[in-house]
Amino acid sequence: MVDSGQLAKIQELVDRSLAAGARLMQGRDHCRPFFRPTVLADCHPGIPSLRRVSVRAGRMRAAF
């Protein structure tokens, strides 16, 4: 991230995705201003952070 404003936007996006039903597999932490790689599972089209989908073992995973 370039600044704390962008970091806050990514944190909000991940939080909203989790509230919408995504499951956290790894990540969600940060060391300002870097947001560590984060993997969400059990995503569906309504998950806010869903941008690309890779399917492994029958599960959808969001990557952003």
C-alpha atoms as a PDB file:
ATOM      1  CA  MET A   1       0.000   0.000   0.000  1.00  0.00           C
ATOM      2  CA  VAL A   2       1.124   3.499  -0.652  1.00  0.00           C
ATOM      3  CA  ASP A   3      -0.435   5.119   2.390  1.00  0.00           C
ATOM      4  CA  SER A   4      -2.595   4.502   5.434  1.00  0.00           C
ATOM      5  CA  GLY A   5      -5.751   5.458   3.491  1.00  0.00           C
ATOM      6  CA  GLN A   6      -5.253   2.589   1.049  1.00  0.00           C
ATOM      7  CA  LEU A   7      -4.436   0.240   3.920  1.00  0.00           C
ATOM      8  CA  ALA A   8      -7.733   1.177   5.601  1.00  0.00           C
ATOM      9  CA  LYS A   9      -9.656   0.487   2.357  1.00  0.00           C
ATOM     10  CA  ILE A  10      -8.163  -3.000   2.029  1.00  0.00           C
ATOM     11  CA  GLN A  11      -8.817  -3.758   5.708  1.00  0.00           C
ATOM     12  CA  GLU A  12     -12.450  -2.674   5.272  1.00  0.00           C
ATOM     13  CA  LEU A  13     -12.803  -4.805   2.130  1.00  0.00           C
ATOM     14  CA  VAL A  14     -11.501  -7.894   3.927  1.00  0.00           C
ATOM     15  CA  ASP A  15     -13.688  -7.217   6.984  1.00  0.00           C
ATOM     16  CA  ARG A  16     -16.799  -6.800   4.787  1.00  0.00           C
ATOM     17  CA  SER A  17     -15.953 -10.006   2.924  1.00  0.00           C
ATOM     18  CA  LEU A  18     -15.652 -11.935   6.177  1.00  0.00           C
ATOM     19  CA  ALA A  19     -18.945 -10.467   7.414  1.00  0.00           C
ATOM     20  CA  ALA A  20     -20.571 -11.615   4.140  1.00  0.00           C
ATOM     21  CA  GLY A  21     -19.526 -15.220   4.748  1.00  0.00           C
ATOM     22  CA  ALA A  22     -15.975 -15.617   3.473  1.00  0.00           C
ATOM     23  CA  ARG A  23     -13.628 -17.667   5.636  1.00  0.00           C
ATOM     24  CA  LEU A  24     -10.122 -16.458   6.436  1.00  0.00           C
ATOM     25  CA  MET A  25      -7.458 -18.994   5.484  1.00  0.00           C
ATOM     26  CA  GLN A  26      -4.380 -16.832   5.936  1.00  0.00           C
ATOM     27  CA  GLY A  27      -3.414 -13.198   6.413  1.00  0.00           C
ATOM     28  CA  ARG A  28      -5.514 -10.183   7.423  1.00  0.00           C
ATOM     29  CA  ASP A  29      -2.649  -8.607   9.311  1.00  0.00           C
ATOM     30  CA  HIS A  30      -0.482  -5.701   8.335  1.00  0.00           C
ATOM     31  CA  CYS A  31       2.723  -3.941   9.174  1.00  0.00           C
ATOM     32  CA  ARG A  32       2.103  -0.373   8.087  1.00  0.00           C
ATOM     33  CA  PRO A  33       1.853   0.383   5.250  1.00  0.00           C
ATOM     34  CA  PHE A  34       2.000  -3.211   3.984  1.00  0.00           C
ATOM     35  CA  PHE A  35      -1.032  -5.533   4.031  1.00  0.00           C
ATOM     36  CA  ARG A  36       0.257  -9.085   4.045  1.00  0.00           C
ATOM     37  CA  PRO A  37      -1.068 -11.566   1.446  1.00  0.00           C
ATOM     38  CA  THR A  38      -4.541 -12.696   2.438  1.00  0.00           C
ATOM     39  CA  VAL A  39      -6.469 -15.769   1.313  1.00  0.00           C
ATOM     40  CA  LEU A  40     -10.244 -16.031   1.702  1.00  0.00           C
ATOM     41  CA  ALA A  41     -12.210 -19.252   1.160  1.00  0.00           C
ATOM     42  CA  ASP A  42     -15.902 -20.135   0.816  1.00  0.00           C
ATOM     43  CA  CYS A  43     -16.485 -17.089  -1.379  1.00  0.00           C
ATOM     44  CA  HIS A  44     -19.560 -16.566  -3.504  1.00  0.00           C
ATOM     45  CA  PRO A  45     -20.362 -13.847  -6.078  1.00  0.00           C
ATOM     46  CA  GLY A  46     -21.705 -11.541  -3.350  1.00  0.00           C
ATOM     47  CA  ILE A  47     -18.392 -11.395  -1.495  1.00  0.00           C
ATOM     48  CA  PRO A  48     -17.043  -7.824  -1.825  1.00  0.00           C
ATOM     49  CA  SER A  49     -13.416  -8.794  -2.404  1.00  0.00           C
ATOM     50  CA  LEU A  50     -14.063 -11.371  -5.107  1.00  0.00           C
ATOM     51  CA  ARG A  51     -12.030 -10.360  -8.147  1.00  0.00           C
ATOM     52  CA  ARG A  52     -10.407 -13.546  -9.422  1.00  0.00           C
ATOM     53  CA  VAL A  53     -11.414 -17.061  -8.616  1.00  0.00           C
ATOM     54  CA  SER A  54      -9.292 -20.182  -8.621  1.00  0.00           C
ATOM     55  CA  VAL A  55     -10.962 -23.482  -7.916  1.00  0.00           C
ATOM     56  CA  ARG A  56      -9.054 -26.100  -5.937  1.00  0.00           C
ATOM     57  CA  ALA A  57     -10.532 -29.318  -4.637  1.00  0.00           C
ATOM     58  CA  GLY A  58     -14.043 -28.027  -5.321  1.00  0.00           C
ATOM     59  CA  ARG A  59     -13.666 -24.768  -3.398  1.00  0.00           C
ATOM     60  CA  MET A  60     -13.660 -21.208  -4.639  1.00  0.00           C
ATOM     61  CA  ARG A  61     -10.950 -18.922  -3.327  1.00  0.00           C
ATOM     62  CA  ALA A  62     -10.779 -15.167  -3.795  1.00  0.00           C
ATOM     63  CA  ALA A  63      -7.505 -13.501  -4.601  1.00  0.00           C
ATOM     64  CA  PHE A  64      -6.985  -9.795  -4.647  1.00  0.00           C
END
